[in-house]
N, C-alpha and C. Protein backbone atom coordinates (compact mmCIF):
# COMPACT_ATOMS: atom_id res chain seq x y z
N MET A 1 11.84 -33.59 -1.39
CA MET A 1 12.38 -32.67 -0.83
C MET A 1 13.23 -32.99 0.33
N ARG A 2 14.53 -32.49 0.37
CA ARG A 2 15.51 -32.93 1.33
C ARG A 2 15.14 -32.26 2.68
N ALA A 3 15.47 -32.98 3.89
CA ALA A 3 15.17 -32.53 5.17
C ALA A 3 15.84 -31.09 5.40
N GLU A 4 17.14 -31.01 4.89
CA GLU A 4 17.87 -29.71 5.12
C GLU A 4 17.13 -28.54 4.48
N SER A 5 16.46 -28.74 3.39
CA SER A 5 15.74 -27.57 2.78
C SER A 5 14.26 -27.44 3.39
N PHE A 6 13.78 -28.46 3.89
CA PHE A 6 12.42 -28.49 4.41
C PHE A 6 12.25 -27.56 5.56
N LEU A 7 13.09 -27.70 6.53
CA LEU A 7 12.98 -26.91 7.80
C LEU A 7 13.07 -25.47 7.56
N PRO A 8 14.15 -24.99 6.84
CA PRO A 8 14.09 -23.54 6.58
C PRO A 8 12.90 -23.02 5.86
N ALA A 9 12.37 -23.83 4.90
CA ALA A 9 11.25 -23.45 4.12
C ALA A 9 9.99 -23.43 5.09
N MET A 10 9.92 -24.31 6.00
CA MET A 10 8.73 -24.18 7.04
C MET A 10 8.90 -23.00 7.91
N GLY A 11 10.06 -22.80 8.22
CA GLY A 11 10.40 -21.52 9.19
C GLY A 11 9.90 -20.30 8.39
N PHE A 12 10.29 -20.12 7.18
CA PHE A 12 9.88 -19.02 6.39
C PHE A 12 8.50 -18.89 6.22
N LEU A 13 7.75 -20.01 5.99
CA LEU A 13 6.26 -20.06 5.93
C LEU A 13 5.62 -19.64 7.11
N ALA A 14 6.15 -20.07 8.24
CA ALA A 14 5.59 -19.55 9.60
C ALA A 14 5.78 -18.12 9.83
N ILE A 15 6.90 -17.55 9.38
CA ILE A 15 7.11 -16.14 9.57
C ILE A 15 6.10 -15.39 8.73
N VAL A 16 6.00 -15.84 7.43
CA VAL A 16 4.97 -15.19 6.53
C VAL A 16 3.58 -15.28 7.08
N VAL A 17 3.17 -16.36 7.57
CA VAL A 17 1.83 -16.47 8.16
C VAL A 17 1.64 -15.67 9.38
N ALA A 18 2.72 -15.55 10.21
CA ALA A 18 2.61 -14.73 11.39
C ALA A 18 2.51 -13.16 10.96
N ALA A 19 3.31 -12.87 10.04
CA ALA A 19 3.42 -11.33 9.59
C ALA A 19 1.90 -11.07 8.98
N CYS A 20 1.22 -12.02 8.35
CA CYS A 20 -0.03 -11.67 7.71
C CYS A 20 -1.13 -11.65 8.77
N GLY A 21 -0.87 -12.05 9.85
CA GLY A 21 -1.98 -12.03 10.86
C GLY A 21 -2.53 -13.50 11.14
N GLY A 22 -2.10 -14.46 10.38
CA GLY A 22 -2.50 -15.84 10.63
C GLY A 22 -3.87 -15.95 10.13
N THR A 23 -4.64 -16.93 10.79
CA THR A 23 -6.01 -17.11 10.45
C THR A 23 -6.98 -16.17 11.19
N GLN A 24 -7.90 -15.81 10.46
CA GLN A 24 -8.92 -14.91 11.05
C GLN A 24 -10.09 -15.74 11.72
N PRO A 25 -10.55 -15.20 12.99
CA PRO A 25 -11.56 -16.03 13.59
C PRO A 25 -12.86 -15.87 12.84
N ALA A 26 -13.63 -16.79 12.89
CA ALA A 26 -14.95 -16.80 12.22
C ALA A 26 -15.84 -15.78 12.85
N GLU A 27 -16.75 -15.16 12.10
CA GLU A 27 -17.71 -14.26 12.71
C GLU A 27 -18.60 -14.90 13.70
N PRO A 28 -18.88 -14.31 14.85
CA PRO A 28 -19.74 -14.91 15.89
C PRO A 28 -21.08 -15.15 15.37
N ARG A 29 -21.74 -16.12 15.77
CA ARG A 29 -23.08 -16.48 15.21
C ARG A 29 -24.02 -16.10 16.20
N PRO A 30 -25.28 -15.43 15.87
CA PRO A 30 -26.27 -15.11 16.78
C PRO A 30 -26.76 -16.37 17.56
N PRO A 31 -27.11 -16.15 18.74
CA PRO A 31 -27.69 -17.30 19.53
C PRO A 31 -29.06 -17.92 18.70
N ALA A 32 -29.31 -19.22 18.96
CA ALA A 32 -30.38 -19.75 18.40
C ALA A 32 -31.71 -19.16 18.88
N GLY A 33 -32.53 -18.94 17.88
CA GLY A 33 -33.94 -18.32 18.27
C GLY A 33 -33.81 -16.79 18.08
N SER A 34 -32.68 -16.22 17.75
CA SER A 34 -32.67 -14.71 17.48
C SER A 34 -32.75 -14.43 15.96
N SER A 35 -33.06 -13.28 15.81
CA SER A 35 -33.14 -12.92 14.23
C SER A 35 -31.75 -12.44 13.74
N GLY A 36 -30.92 -12.41 14.61
CA GLY A 36 -29.54 -11.84 14.22
C GLY A 36 -29.42 -10.34 14.20
N ALA A 37 -30.52 -9.68 14.41
CA ALA A 37 -30.52 -8.19 14.38
C ALA A 37 -29.92 -7.72 15.67
N PRO A 38 -29.06 -6.75 15.75
CA PRO A 38 -28.49 -6.08 16.92
C PRO A 38 -29.41 -5.64 17.84
N THR A 39 -29.30 -5.85 19.11
CA THR A 39 -30.15 -5.15 20.12
C THR A 39 -29.36 -4.11 20.86
N GLY A 40 -30.08 -3.12 21.33
CA GLY A 40 -29.31 -2.07 22.19
C GLY A 40 -29.07 -0.78 21.36
N ALA A 41 -28.04 -0.08 21.65
CA ALA A 41 -27.74 1.18 21.05
C ALA A 41 -27.30 0.95 19.56
N VAL A 42 -27.68 2.06 18.81
CA VAL A 42 -27.42 2.00 17.34
C VAL A 42 -26.10 2.82 17.25
N ALA A 43 -25.18 2.24 16.53
CA ALA A 43 -23.80 3.05 16.30
C ALA A 43 -24.06 4.30 15.40
N GLY A 44 -23.37 5.24 15.73
CA GLY A 44 -23.38 6.52 14.92
C GLY A 44 -22.61 6.37 13.68
N PRO A 45 -22.38 7.44 13.06
CA PRO A 45 -21.59 7.48 11.69
C PRO A 45 -20.12 7.09 12.07
N ALA A 46 -19.49 6.52 11.01
CA ALA A 46 -18.15 6.04 11.15
C ALA A 46 -17.23 7.21 11.33
N PRO A 47 -16.09 7.15 12.15
CA PRO A 47 -15.27 8.33 12.30
C PRO A 47 -14.54 8.60 10.98
N THR A 48 -14.19 9.79 10.87
CA THR A 48 -13.30 10.13 9.54
C THR A 48 -11.86 9.81 9.85
N PRO A 49 -11.25 9.65 8.76
CA PRO A 49 -9.80 9.20 8.98
C PRO A 49 -9.02 10.36 9.78
N ALA A 50 -9.38 11.67 9.59
CA ALA A 50 -8.63 12.74 10.36
C ALA A 50 -8.89 12.61 11.93
N ALA A 51 -10.12 12.09 12.18
CA ALA A 51 -10.40 11.99 13.69
C ALA A 51 -9.69 10.69 14.21
N LEU A 52 -9.20 9.67 13.38
CA LEU A 52 -8.43 8.62 13.77
C LEU A 52 -6.93 8.90 13.80
N GLY A 53 -6.52 10.15 13.32
CA GLY A 53 -5.10 10.48 13.29
C GLY A 53 -4.42 9.74 11.99
N VAL A 54 -5.18 9.53 10.99
CA VAL A 54 -4.71 8.95 9.74
C VAL A 54 -4.62 10.06 8.70
N PRO A 55 -3.45 10.36 8.09
CA PRO A 55 -3.54 11.48 7.18
C PRO A 55 -4.35 11.12 5.95
N ALA A 56 -4.94 12.16 5.44
CA ALA A 56 -5.79 12.02 4.29
C ALA A 56 -4.89 11.67 3.06
N ALA A 57 -5.57 10.97 2.13
CA ALA A 57 -4.78 10.63 0.99
C ALA A 57 -4.65 11.90 0.07
N SER A 58 -3.57 12.05 -0.48
CA SER A 58 -3.48 13.27 -1.24
C SER A 58 -2.51 12.98 -2.38
N VAL A 59 -2.74 13.89 -3.39
CA VAL A 59 -1.95 13.75 -4.63
C VAL A 59 -1.23 15.17 -4.60
N SER A 60 0.10 14.95 -4.48
CA SER A 60 0.82 16.25 -4.45
C SER A 60 0.99 16.66 -5.85
N PRO A 61 1.03 18.03 -6.01
CA PRO A 61 1.20 18.54 -7.51
C PRO A 61 2.65 18.37 -8.06
N PRO A 62 2.86 17.81 -9.19
CA PRO A 62 4.08 17.58 -9.75
C PRO A 62 4.66 18.88 -10.14
N SER A 63 6.04 18.88 -10.14
CA SER A 63 6.74 20.04 -10.61
C SER A 63 6.96 20.20 -12.14
N GLY A 64 6.59 19.13 -12.84
CA GLY A 64 6.75 19.01 -14.17
C GLY A 64 5.77 18.06 -14.77
N LYS A 65 5.83 17.81 -16.09
CA LYS A 65 5.11 16.84 -16.70
C LYS A 65 5.43 15.36 -16.28
N LEU A 66 4.49 14.54 -15.87
CA LEU A 66 4.80 13.14 -15.42
C LEU A 66 5.00 12.11 -16.57
N THR A 67 5.77 11.12 -16.43
CA THR A 67 6.12 10.18 -17.39
C THR A 67 4.87 9.40 -17.67
N THR A 68 4.74 8.87 -18.97
CA THR A 68 3.77 7.94 -19.33
C THR A 68 4.09 6.62 -18.71
N PRO A 69 3.12 6.10 -18.00
CA PRO A 69 3.46 4.84 -17.10
C PRO A 69 3.78 3.71 -18.01
N GLY A 70 4.58 2.85 -17.61
CA GLY A 70 4.94 1.55 -18.21
C GLY A 70 3.91 0.47 -18.06
N PRO A 71 3.91 -0.69 -18.65
CA PRO A 71 2.94 -1.64 -18.55
C PRO A 71 2.85 -2.26 -17.02
N SER A 72 3.99 -2.16 -16.25
CA SER A 72 4.01 -2.71 -14.96
C SER A 72 3.51 -1.72 -13.89
N ALA A 73 3.11 -0.55 -14.26
CA ALA A 73 2.65 0.52 -13.31
C ALA A 73 1.36 0.14 -12.72
N LEU A 74 1.25 0.44 -11.53
CA LEU A 74 0.05 0.14 -10.65
C LEU A 74 -1.07 1.16 -11.05
N ALA A 75 -2.30 0.85 -10.86
CA ALA A 75 -3.43 1.77 -11.05
C ALA A 75 -3.45 2.55 -9.75
N CYS A 76 -3.83 3.90 -9.75
CA CYS A 76 -3.92 4.66 -8.60
C CYS A 76 -4.96 5.81 -8.85
N GLN A 77 -5.53 6.37 -7.70
CA GLN A 77 -6.25 7.57 -7.70
C GLN A 77 -5.58 8.66 -6.84
N ASN A 78 -4.50 8.27 -6.08
CA ASN A 78 -3.60 9.22 -5.36
C ASN A 78 -2.32 8.63 -5.13
N ASP A 79 -1.45 9.28 -4.61
CA ASP A 79 0.01 8.85 -4.39
C ASP A 79 0.29 7.68 -3.53
N ILE A 80 -0.66 7.27 -2.68
CA ILE A 80 -0.43 6.27 -1.75
C ILE A 80 -0.04 4.88 -2.27
N PRO A 81 -0.78 4.48 -3.33
CA PRO A 81 -0.31 3.07 -3.83
C PRO A 81 0.98 3.09 -4.58
N CYS A 82 1.33 4.36 -4.97
CA CYS A 82 2.55 4.41 -5.83
C CYS A 82 3.96 4.42 -4.98
N MET A 83 3.89 4.40 -3.67
CA MET A 83 4.98 4.46 -2.76
C MET A 83 5.92 5.63 -2.95
N THR A 84 6.98 5.47 -3.59
CA THR A 84 7.90 6.63 -3.77
C THR A 84 7.64 7.42 -5.12
N HIS A 85 6.81 6.89 -5.89
CA HIS A 85 6.50 7.63 -7.23
C HIS A 85 5.17 8.38 -7.07
N ARG A 86 4.92 9.24 -8.04
CA ARG A 86 3.71 10.03 -8.12
C ARG A 86 2.64 9.33 -9.04
N CYS A 87 1.32 9.74 -8.71
CA CYS A 87 0.29 9.13 -9.29
C CYS A 87 0.08 10.03 -10.49
N ASN A 88 -0.06 9.55 -11.76
CA ASN A 88 -0.34 10.35 -12.97
C ASN A 88 -1.85 10.14 -13.17
N LEU A 89 -2.50 11.20 -12.70
CA LEU A 89 -4.02 11.29 -12.61
C LEU A 89 -4.60 11.21 -14.04
N GLN A 90 -3.98 11.62 -14.99
CA GLN A 90 -4.43 11.72 -16.42
C GLN A 90 -4.68 10.39 -17.04
N VAL A 91 -3.84 9.32 -16.60
CA VAL A 91 -4.05 8.09 -17.11
C VAL A 91 -4.41 7.11 -15.97
N GLY A 92 -4.41 7.50 -14.64
CA GLY A 92 -4.77 6.75 -13.52
C GLY A 92 -3.84 5.66 -13.17
N ARG A 93 -2.44 5.88 -13.41
CA ARG A 93 -1.49 4.86 -13.14
C ARG A 93 -0.27 5.62 -12.46
N CYS A 94 0.53 4.81 -11.70
CA CYS A 94 1.81 5.45 -11.09
C CYS A 94 2.81 5.73 -12.28
N ALA A 95 3.49 6.84 -11.99
CA ALA A 95 4.65 7.20 -13.00
C ALA A 95 5.78 6.29 -12.84
N PHE A 96 5.67 5.04 -13.30
CA PHE A 96 6.64 4.00 -13.12
C PHE A 96 6.98 3.40 -14.47
N PRO A 97 8.13 3.22 -14.91
CA PRO A 97 9.59 3.74 -14.49
C PRO A 97 9.60 5.31 -14.52
N CYS A 98 10.33 5.80 -13.61
CA CYS A 98 10.52 7.25 -13.65
C CYS A 98 11.55 7.57 -14.75
N GLU A 99 11.37 8.87 -15.17
CA GLU A 99 12.25 9.46 -16.13
C GLU A 99 13.12 10.72 -15.65
N SER A 100 12.42 11.33 -14.54
CA SER A 100 13.12 12.47 -13.86
C SER A 100 12.62 12.60 -12.47
N ASP A 101 13.24 13.40 -11.73
CA ASP A 101 12.99 13.65 -10.36
C ASP A 101 11.48 14.10 -10.15
N SER A 102 10.77 14.73 -11.14
CA SER A 102 9.49 15.07 -10.99
C SER A 102 8.48 14.01 -11.01
N ASP A 103 8.93 12.73 -11.29
CA ASP A 103 8.07 11.58 -11.19
C ASP A 103 8.05 11.05 -9.80
N CYS A 104 8.93 11.49 -9.01
CA CYS A 104 9.09 11.06 -7.67
C CYS A 104 8.44 11.89 -6.63
N LEU A 105 8.07 11.41 -5.43
CA LEU A 105 7.54 12.20 -4.27
C LEU A 105 8.76 12.99 -3.79
N PRO A 106 8.42 14.14 -3.07
CA PRO A 106 9.44 14.82 -2.48
C PRO A 106 10.29 14.06 -1.53
N GLY A 107 11.71 14.40 -1.54
CA GLY A 107 12.64 13.45 -0.72
C GLY A 107 12.99 12.33 -1.35
N ASN A 108 12.69 11.96 -2.58
CA ASN A 108 13.13 10.84 -3.42
C ASN A 108 13.72 11.45 -4.71
N TYR A 109 14.53 10.49 -5.36
CA TYR A 109 15.08 10.99 -6.71
C TYR A 109 14.86 9.85 -7.59
N CYS A 110 15.07 10.03 -8.86
CA CYS A 110 14.99 9.02 -9.88
C CYS A 110 16.28 8.40 -10.23
N TYR A 111 16.27 7.13 -9.78
CA TYR A 111 17.67 6.42 -10.00
C TYR A 111 17.50 5.84 -11.48
N LYS A 112 18.43 6.17 -12.27
CA LYS A 112 18.39 5.81 -13.69
C LYS A 112 19.41 4.69 -13.99
N GLY A 113 19.05 3.45 -13.31
CA GLY A 113 19.94 2.27 -13.54
C GLY A 113 19.20 1.28 -14.56
N PRO A 114 19.43 -0.04 -14.45
CA PRO A 114 18.78 -0.93 -15.26
C PRO A 114 17.19 -0.94 -15.24
N LEU A 115 16.80 -0.64 -14.02
CA LEU A 115 15.34 -0.44 -13.80
C LEU A 115 15.04 0.83 -13.11
N PRO A 116 14.80 1.86 -13.82
CA PRO A 116 14.64 3.25 -13.18
C PRO A 116 13.55 3.21 -12.11
N ALA A 117 13.82 3.71 -11.01
CA ALA A 117 12.97 3.72 -9.84
C ALA A 117 13.30 4.98 -8.91
N CYS A 118 12.22 5.47 -8.25
CA CYS A 118 12.39 6.51 -7.21
C CYS A 118 12.89 5.95 -6.07
N LEU A 119 14.09 6.45 -5.62
CA LEU A 119 14.60 5.98 -4.29
C LEU A 119 14.71 7.15 -3.24
N PRO A 120 14.79 6.82 -1.99
CA PRO A 120 14.93 7.87 -1.11
C PRO A 120 16.29 8.59 -1.29
N ARG A 121 16.27 9.93 -1.06
CA ARG A 121 17.61 10.59 -1.15
C ARG A 121 18.47 10.22 0.10
N PRO A 122 19.72 10.05 -0.18
CA PRO A 122 20.66 9.72 0.93
C PRO A 122 20.93 10.94 1.81
N THR A 123 20.95 10.75 3.03
CA THR A 123 21.14 11.84 4.01
C THR A 123 22.62 12.18 4.13
N PRO A 124 23.01 13.29 4.01
CA PRO A 124 24.45 13.56 4.28
C PRO A 124 24.92 13.25 5.63
N PRO A 125 26.11 12.78 5.72
CA PRO A 125 26.73 12.22 6.99
C PRO A 125 26.87 13.33 7.97
């Protein structure tokens, strides 16, 4: 590998590692002689996503029949992993590639190019 291509590749790798959070620290080990069981107060039930300010995962109702997903469609149980597409709950996969605007989440439209995909609607100037 030439030096001119090595440095940019290493820079790209450093950015990717930094964006992914780098290395995770190891879990702390209990002190020698202890059973590892926590001492002190017992934690209560975990907070709900609504209590943390995170919107609940939802599946918005489609305005029409959804497309039968293609082989590259992601598995889903709600719209979140589908990004701009809807989740076709009948088959458990995202409606990708789209065939009409009803396959897309509100605010998106079905771009019918070489690879049909739901894209954000442009805002008027």
